[in-house]
Amino acid sequence: MTDHAQHEQHTGTPRTVTCPRCGKAFTCGMSTSCWCATRVVPEKVRKELAARYDTCICSACLDQLIGNRQP
């Protein structure tokens, strides 16, 4: 997953992306109005995603990873 700061710099056209984690197609808004901007992603999860993936992951996978890290 690209760093969220990169999304904040872009106000591009939404694009269809394939989640590198599960293979599901989803829409990436490429802006601060994207669905991912509504998620609170712990720093540890962000670092893990940035180290593993070159693109965003889908909402289901992101929610699962966030949920797995909650106390």
PDB file of N, CA and C in Angstrom:
ATOM      1  N   MET A   1       0.847  -1.164   0.000  1.00  0.00           N
ATOM      2  CA  MET A   1       0.000   0.000   0.000  1.00  0.00           C
ATOM      3  C   MET A   1       0.889   1.222   0.000  1.00  0.00           C
ATOM      4  N   THR A   2       0.564   2.175  -0.816  1.00  0.00           N
ATOM      5  CA  THR A   2       1.341   3.388  -0.834  1.00  0.00           C
ATOM      6  C   THR A   2       1.061   4.189   0.419  1.00  0.00           C
ATOM      7  N   ASP A   3       1.995   5.012   0.788  1.00  0.00           N
ATOM      8  CA  ASP A   3       1.839   5.845   1.970  1.00  0.00           C
ATOM      9  C   ASP A   3       0.638   6.756   1.802  1.00  0.00           C
ATOM     10  N   HIS A   4      -0.168   6.901   2.842  1.00  0.00           N
ATOM     11  CA  HIS A   4      -1.378   7.713   2.774  1.00  0.00           C
ATOM     12  C   HIS A   4      -1.053   9.154   2.419  1.00  0.00           C
ATOM     13  N   ALA A   5       0.121   9.654   2.794  1.00  0.00           N
ATOM     14  CA  ALA A   5       0.508  11.019   2.450  1.00  0.00           C
ATOM     15  C   ALA A   5       0.518  11.218   0.940  1.00  0.00           C
ATOM     16  N   GLN A   6       0.835  10.169   0.190  1.00  0.00           N
ATOM     17  CA  GLN A   6       0.810  10.276  -1.262  1.00  0.00           C
ATOM     18  C   GLN A   6      -0.613  10.522  -1.754  1.00  0.00           C
ATOM     19  N   HIS A   7      -1.596   9.883  -1.134  1.00  0.00           N
ATOM     20  CA  HIS A   7      -2.988  10.099  -1.519  1.00  0.00           C
ATOM     21  C   HIS A   7      -3.386  11.546  -1.269  1.00  0.00           C
ATOM     22  N   GLU A   8      -2.912  12.134  -0.187  1.00  0.00           N
ATOM     23  CA  GLU A   8      -3.266  13.497   0.144  1.00  0.00           C
ATOM     24  C   GLU A   8      -2.743  14.473  -0.889  1.00  0.00           C
ATOM     25  N   GLN A   9      -1.675  14.116  -1.580  1.00  0.00           N
ATOM     26  CA  GLN A   9      -1.096  14.986  -2.590  1.00  0.00           C
ATOM     27  C   GLN A   9      -1.844  14.872  -3.914  1.00  0.00           C
ATOM     28  N   HIS A  10      -2.594  13.812  -4.111  1.00  0.00           N
ATOM     29  CA  HIS A  10      -3.269  13.561  -5.377  1.00  0.00           C
ATOM     30  C   HIS A  10      -4.757  13.852  -5.257  1.00  0.00           C
ATOM     31  N   THR A  11      -5.311  14.390  -6.289  1.00  0.00           N
ATOM     32  CA  THR A  11      -6.753  14.537  -6.388  1.00  0.00           C
ATOM     33  C   THR A  11      -7.189  13.904  -7.693  1.00  0.00           C
ATOM     34  N   GLY A  12      -6.574  12.767  -8.010  1.00  0.00           N
ATOM     35  CA  GLY A  12      -6.776  12.090  -9.280  1.00  0.00           C
ATOM     36  C   GLY A  12      -8.120  11.416  -9.409  1.00  0.00           C
ATOM     37  N   THR A  13      -8.302  10.865 -10.576  1.00  0.00           N
ATOM     38  CA  THR A  13      -9.506  10.125 -10.900  1.00  0.00           C
ATOM     39  C   THR A  13      -9.452   8.761 -10.224  1.00  0.00           C
ATOM     40  N   PRO A  14     -10.565   8.335  -9.629  1.00  0.00           N
ATOM     41  CA  PRO A  14     -10.584   6.995  -9.027  1.00  0.00           C
ATOM     42  C   PRO A  14     -10.191   5.941 -10.064  1.00  0.00           C
ATOM     43  N   ARG A  15      -9.529   4.899  -9.599  1.00  0.00           N
ATOM     44  CA  ARG A  15      -9.098   3.832 -10.503  1.00  0.00           C
ATOM     45  C   ARG A  15      -9.396   2.487  -9.873  1.00  0.00           C
ATOM     46  N   THR A  16      -9.538   1.488 -10.708  1.00  0.00           N
ATOM     47  CA  THR A  16      -9.768   0.131 -10.230  1.00  0.00           C
ATOM     48  C   THR A  16      -8.410  -0.513  -9.971  1.00  0.00           C
ATOM     49  N   VAL A  17      -8.275  -1.095  -8.779  1.00  0.00           N
ATOM     50  CA  VAL A  17      -7.036  -1.721  -8.340  1.00  0.00           C
ATOM     51  C   VAL A  17      -7.357  -3.144  -7.907  1.00  0.00           C
ATOM     52  N   THR A  18      -6.423  -4.050  -8.095  1.00  0.00           N
ATOM     53  CA  THR A  18      -6.568  -5.411  -7.578  1.00  0.00           C
ATOM     54  C   THR A  18      -5.810  -5.488  -6.262  1.00  0.00           C
ATOM     55  N   CYS A  19      -6.482  -5.904  -5.228  1.00  0.00           N
ATOM     56  CA  CYS A  19      -5.864  -6.016  -3.906  1.00  0.00           C
ATOM     57  C   CYS A  19      -4.750  -7.059  -3.966  1.00  0.00           C
ATOM     58  N   PRO A  20      -3.528  -6.674  -3.592  1.00  0.00           N
ATOM     59  CA  PRO A  20      -2.425  -7.629  -3.642  1.00  0.00           C
ATOM     60  C   PRO A  20      -2.504  -8.685  -2.540  1.00  0.00           C
ATOM     61  N   ARG A  21      -3.384  -8.481  -1.589  1.00  0.00           N
ATOM     62  CA  ARG A  21      -3.519  -9.423  -0.473  1.00  0.00           C
ATOM     63  C   ARG A  21      -4.532 -10.523  -0.764  1.00  0.00           C
ATOM     64  N   CYS A  22      -5.695 -10.147  -1.345  1.00  0.00           N
ATOM     65  CA  CYS A  22      -6.751 -11.143  -1.568  1.00  0.00           C
ATOM     66  C   CYS A  22      -7.135 -11.323  -3.036  1.00  0.00           C
ATOM     67  N   GLY A  23      -6.697 -10.412  -3.912  1.00  0.00           N
ATOM     68  CA  GLY A  23      -7.008 -10.516  -5.332  1.00  0.00           C
ATOM     69  C   GLY A  23      -8.318  -9.883  -5.751  1.00  0.00           C
ATOM     70  N   LYS A  24      -9.056  -9.291  -4.823  1.00  0.00           N
ATOM     71  CA  LYS A  24     -10.339  -8.662  -5.120  1.00  0.00           C
ATOM     72  C   LYS A  24     -10.119  -7.293  -5.774  1.00  0.00           C
ATOM     73  N   ALA A  25     -10.925  -6.964  -6.785  1.00  0.00           N
ATOM     74  CA  ALA A  25     -10.868  -5.652  -7.426  1.00  0.00           C
ATOM     75  C   ALA A  25     -11.646  -4.658  -6.569  1.00  0.00           C
ATOM     76  N   PHE A  26     -11.104  -3.429  -6.455  1.00  0.00           N
ATOM     77  CA  PHE A  26     -11.778  -2.381  -5.701  1.00  0.00           C
ATOM     78  C   PHE A  26     -11.421  -1.030  -6.300  1.00  0.00           C
ATOM     79  N   THR A  27     -12.114   0.022  -5.862  1.00  0.00           N
ATOM     80  CA  THR A  27     -11.860   1.366  -6.363  1.00  0.00           C
ATOM     81  C   THR A  27     -10.982   2.128  -5.389  1.00  0.00           C
ATOM     82  N   CYS A  28      -9.913   2.689  -5.917  1.00  0.00           N
ATOM     83  CA  CYS A  28      -9.008   3.549  -5.155  1.00  0.00           C
ATOM     84  C   CYS A  28      -9.317   4.981  -5.573  1.00  0.00           C
ATOM     85  N   GLY A  29      -9.692   5.832  -4.615  1.00  0.00           N
ATOM     86  CA  GLY A  29     -10.068   7.203  -4.928  1.00  0.00           C
ATOM     87  C   GLY A  29      -8.907   8.136  -5.172  1.00  0.00           C
ATOM     88  N   MET A  30      -7.702   7.727  -4.782  1.00  0.00           N
ATOM     89  CA  MET A  30      -6.501   8.538  -4.993  1.00  0.00           C
ATOM     90  C   MET A  30      -6.649   9.966  -4.481  1.00  0.00           C
ATOM     91  N   SER A  31      -7.370  10.132  -3.352  1.00  0.00           N
ATOM     92  CA  SER A  31      -7.551  11.461  -2.780  1.00  0.00           C
ATOM     93  C   SER A  31      -7.955  11.331  -1.320  1.00  0.00           C
ATOM     94  N   THR A  32      -8.075  12.462  -0.664  1.00  0.00           N
ATOM     95  CA  THR A  32      -8.491  12.457   0.740  1.00  0.00           C
ATOM     96  C   THR A  32      -9.972  12.114   0.881  1.00  0.00           C
ATOM     97  N   SER A  33     -10.707  12.032  -0.222  1.00  0.00           N
ATOM     98  CA  SER A  33     -12.110  11.636  -0.160  1.00  0.00           C
ATOM     99  C   SER A  33     -12.294  10.140  -0.418  1.00  0.00           C
ATOM    100  N   CYS A  34     -11.197   9.403  -0.561  1.00  0.00           N
ATOM    101  CA  CYS A  34     -11.264   7.957  -0.776  1.00  0.00           C
ATOM    102  C   CYS A  34     -11.810   7.270   0.482  1.00  0.00           C
ATOM    103  N   TRP A  35     -12.379   6.099   0.317  1.00  0.00           N
ATOM    104  CA  TRP A  35     -12.910   5.333   1.455  1.00  0.00           C
ATOM    105  C   TRP A  35     -11.845   5.100   2.522  1.00  0.00           C
ATOM    106  N   CYS A  36     -10.580   4.958   2.119  1.00  0.00           N
ATOM    107  CA  CYS A  36      -9.528   4.655   3.089  1.00  0.00           C
ATOM    108  C   CYS A  36      -9.275   5.815   4.044  1.00  0.00           C
ATOM    109  N   ALA A  37      -9.652   7.027   3.637  1.00  0.00           N
ATOM    110  CA  ALA A  37      -9.471   8.197   4.501  1.00  0.00           C
ATOM    111  C   ALA A  37     -10.400   8.144   5.715  1.00  0.00           C
ATOM    112  N   THR A  38     -11.401   7.265   5.678  1.00  0.00           N
ATOM    113  CA  THR A  38     -12.318   7.137   6.813  1.00  0.00           C
ATOM    114  C   THR A  38     -11.806   6.151   7.856  1.00  0.00           C
ATOM    115  N   ARG A  39     -10.694   5.464   7.557  1.00  0.00           N
ATOM    116  CA  ARG A  39     -10.142   4.476   8.478  1.00  0.00           C
ATOM    117  C   ARG A  39      -9.038   5.090   9.335  1.00  0.00           C
ATOM    118  N   VAL A  40      -8.984   4.673  10.592  1.00  0.00           N
ATOM    119  CA  VAL A  40      -7.880   5.037  11.465  1.00  0.00           C
ATOM    120  C   VAL A  40      -6.923   3.859  11.441  1.00  0.00           C
ATOM    121  N   VAL A  41      -5.782   4.057  10.798  1.00  0.00           N
ATOM    122  CA  VAL A  41      -4.821   2.971  10.619  1.00  0.00           C
ATOM    123  C   VAL A  41      -3.635   3.211  11.549  1.00  0.00           C
ATOM    124  N   PRO A  42      -3.437   2.299  12.495  1.00  0.00           N
ATOM    125  CA  PRO A  42      -2.302   2.447  13.410  1.00  0.00           C
ATOM    126  C   PRO A  42      -0.979   2.506  12.653  1.00  0.00           C
ATOM    127  N   GLU A  43      -0.043   3.253  13.182  1.00  0.00           N
ATOM    128  CA  GLU A  43       1.262   3.430  12.541  1.00  0.00           C
ATOM    129  C   GLU A  43       1.921   2.094  12.233  1.00  0.00           C
ATOM    130  N   LYS A  44       1.834   1.139  13.143  1.00  0.00           N
ATOM    131  CA  LYS A  44       2.453  -0.171  12.931  1.00  0.00           C
ATOM    132  C   LYS A  44       1.873  -0.854  11.688  1.00  0.00           C
ATOM    133  N   VAL A  45       0.568  -0.743  11.508  1.00  0.00           N
ATOM    134  CA  VAL A  45      -0.087  -1.347  10.341  1.00  0.00           C
ATOM    135  C   VAL A  45       0.348  -0.616   9.074  1.00  0.00           C
ATOM    136  N   ARG A  46       0.409   0.709   9.121  1.00  0.00           N
ATOM    137  CA  ARG A  46       0.848   1.473   7.952  1.00  0.00           C
ATOM    138  C   ARG A  46       2.255   1.085   7.522  1.00  0.00           C
ATOM    139  N   LYS A  47       3.140   0.942   8.489  1.00  0.00           N
ATOM    140  CA  LYS A  47       4.519   0.556   8.163  1.00  0.00           C
ATOM    141  C   LYS A  47       4.573  -0.834   7.552  1.00  0.00           C
ATOM    142  N   GLU A  48       3.796  -1.750   8.112  1.00  0.00           N
ATOM    143  CA  GLU A  48       3.753  -3.117   7.579  1.00  0.00           C
ATOM    144  C   GLU A  48       3.236  -3.123   6.142  1.00  0.00           C
ATOM    145  N   LEU A  49       2.186  -2.361   5.878  1.00  0.00           N
ATOM    146  CA  LEU A  49       1.611  -2.295   4.538  1.00  0.00           C
ATOM    147  C   LEU A  49       2.597  -1.676   3.549  1.00  0.00           C
ATOM    148  N   ALA A  50       3.248  -0.604   3.954  1.00  0.00           N
ATOM    149  CA  ALA A  50       4.215   0.063   3.078  1.00  0.00           C
ATOM    150  C   ALA A  50       5.392  -0.854   2.741  1.00  0.00           C
ATOM    151  N   ALA A  51       5.788  -1.683   3.701  1.00  0.00           N
ATOM    152  CA  ALA A  51       6.913  -2.596   3.479  1.00  0.00           C
ATOM    153  C   ALA A  51       6.528  -3.770   2.582  1.00  0.00           C
ATOM    154  N   ARG A  52       5.262  -4.174   2.620  1.00  0.00           N
ATOM    155  CA  ARG A  52       4.813  -5.355   1.895  1.00  0.00           C
ATOM    156  C   ARG A  52       4.240  -5.108   0.522  1.00  0.00           C
ATOM    157  N   TYR A  53       3.526  -3.997   0.361  1.00  0.00           N
ATOM    158  CA  TYR A  53       2.756  -3.785  -0.866  1.00  0.00           C
ATOM    159  C   TYR A  53       3.128  -2.483  -1.553  1.00  0.00           C
ATOM    160  N   ASP A  54       3.026  -2.486  -2.892  1.00  0.00           N
ATOM    161  CA  ASP A  54       3.310  -1.294  -3.686  1.00  0.00           C
ATOM    162  C   ASP A  54       2.050  -0.519  -4.030  1.00  0.00           C
ATOM    163  N   THR A  55       0.905  -1.031  -3.633  1.00  0.00           N
ATOM    164  CA  THR A  55      -0.367  -0.380  -3.916  1.00  0.00           C
ATOM    165  C   THR A  55      -1.284  -0.550  -2.703  1.00  0.00           C
ATOM    166  N   CYS A  56      -2.440   0.054  -2.766  1.00  0.00           N
ATOM    167  CA  CYS A  56      -3.411  -0.040  -1.678  1.00  0.00           C
ATOM    168  C   CYS A  56      -3.984  -1.461  -1.607  1.00  0.00           C
ATOM    169  N   ILE A  57      -4.572  -1.771  -0.459  1.00  0.00           N
ATOM    170  CA  ILE A  57      -5.302  -3.027  -0.314  1.00  0.00           C
ATOM    171  C   ILE A  57      -6.777  -2.684  -0.162  1.00  0.00           C
ATOM    172  N   CYS A  58      -7.635  -3.656  -0.351  1.00  0.00           N
ATOM    173  CA  CYS A  58      -9.083  -3.422  -0.312  1.00  0.00           C
ATOM    174  C   CYS A  58      -9.571  -3.129   1.107  1.00  0.00           C
ATOM    175  N   SER A  59     -10.788  -2.626   1.191  1.00  0.00           N
ATOM    176  CA  SER A  59     -11.355  -2.252   2.484  1.00  0.00           C
ATOM    177  C   SER A  59     -11.488  -3.444   3.423  1.00  0.00           C
ATOM    178  N   ALA A  60     -11.865  -4.605   2.893  1.00  0.00           N
ATOM    179  CA  ALA A  60     -12.016  -5.789   3.746  1.00  0.00           C
ATOM    180  C   ALA A  60     -10.679  -6.200   4.359  1.00  0.00           C
ATOM    181  N   CYS A  61      -9.630  -6.200   3.550  1.00  0.00           N
ATOM    182  CA  CYS A  61      -8.304  -6.568   4.053  1.00  0.00           C
ATOM    183  C   CYS A  61      -7.790  -5.523   5.041  1.00  0.00           C
ATOM    184  N   LEU A  62      -7.984  -4.250   4.719  1.00  0.00           N
ATOM    185  CA  LEU A  62      -7.528  -3.197   5.622  1.00  0.00           C
ATOM    186  C   LEU A  62      -8.264  -3.287   6.954  1.00  0.00           C
ATOM    187  N   ASP A  63      -9.575  -3.468   6.897  1.00  0.00           N
ATOM    188  CA  ASP A  63     -10.345  -3.596   8.136  1.00  0.00           C
ATOM    189  C   ASP A  63      -9.895  -4.804   8.944  1.00  0.00           C
ATOM    190  N   GLN A  64      -9.595  -5.897   8.264  1.00  0.00           N
ATOM    191  CA  GLN A  64      -9.128  -7.091   8.958  1.00  0.00           C
ATOM    192  C   GLN A  64      -7.792  -6.820   9.657  1.00  0.00           C
ATOM    193  N   LEU A  65      -6.870  -6.181   8.978  1.00  0.00           N
ATOM    194  CA  LEU A  65      -5.560  -5.889   9.575  1.00  0.00           C
ATOM    195  C   LEU A  65      -5.690  -4.911  10.741  1.00  0.00           C
ATOM    196  N   ILE A  66      -6.552  -3.913  10.594  1.00  0.00           N
ATOM    197  CA  ILE A  66      -6.769  -2.962  11.686  1.00  0.00           C
ATOM    198  C   ILE A  66      -7.384  -3.701  12.870  1.00  0.00           C
ATOM    199  N   GLY A  67      -8.364  -4.556  12.590  1.00  0.00           N
ATOM    200  CA  GLY A  67      -9.020  -5.319  13.655  1.00  0.00           C
ATOM    201  C   GLY A  67      -8.072  -6.272  14.357  1.00  0.00           C
ATOM    202  N   ASN A  68      -7.150  -6.852  13.594  1.00  0.00           N
ATOM    203  CA  ASN A  68      -6.183  -7.775  14.176  1.00  0.00           C
ATOM    204  C   ASN A  68      -5.234  -7.074  15.109  1.00  0.00           C
ATOM    205  N   ARG A  69      -5.085  -5.763  14.986  1.00  0.00           N
ATOM    206  CA  ARG A  69      -4.125  -5.030  15.805  1.00  0.00           C
ATOM    207  C   ARG A  69      -4.768  -4.329  17.002  1.00  0.00           C
ATOM    208  N   GLN A  70      -6.101  -4.334  17.055  1.00  0.00           N
ATOM    209  CA  GLN A  70      -6.780  -3.644  18.152  1.00  0.00           C
ATOM    210  C   GLN A  70      -6.611  -4.419  19.449  1.00  0.00           C
ATOM    211  N   PRO A  71      -6.490  -3.697  20.580  1.00  0.00           N
ATOM    212  CA  PRO A  71      -6.354  -4.392  21.879  1.00  0.00           C
ATOM    213  C   PRO A  71      -7.626  -5.117  22.277  1.00  0.00           C
TER     214      PRO A  71
END
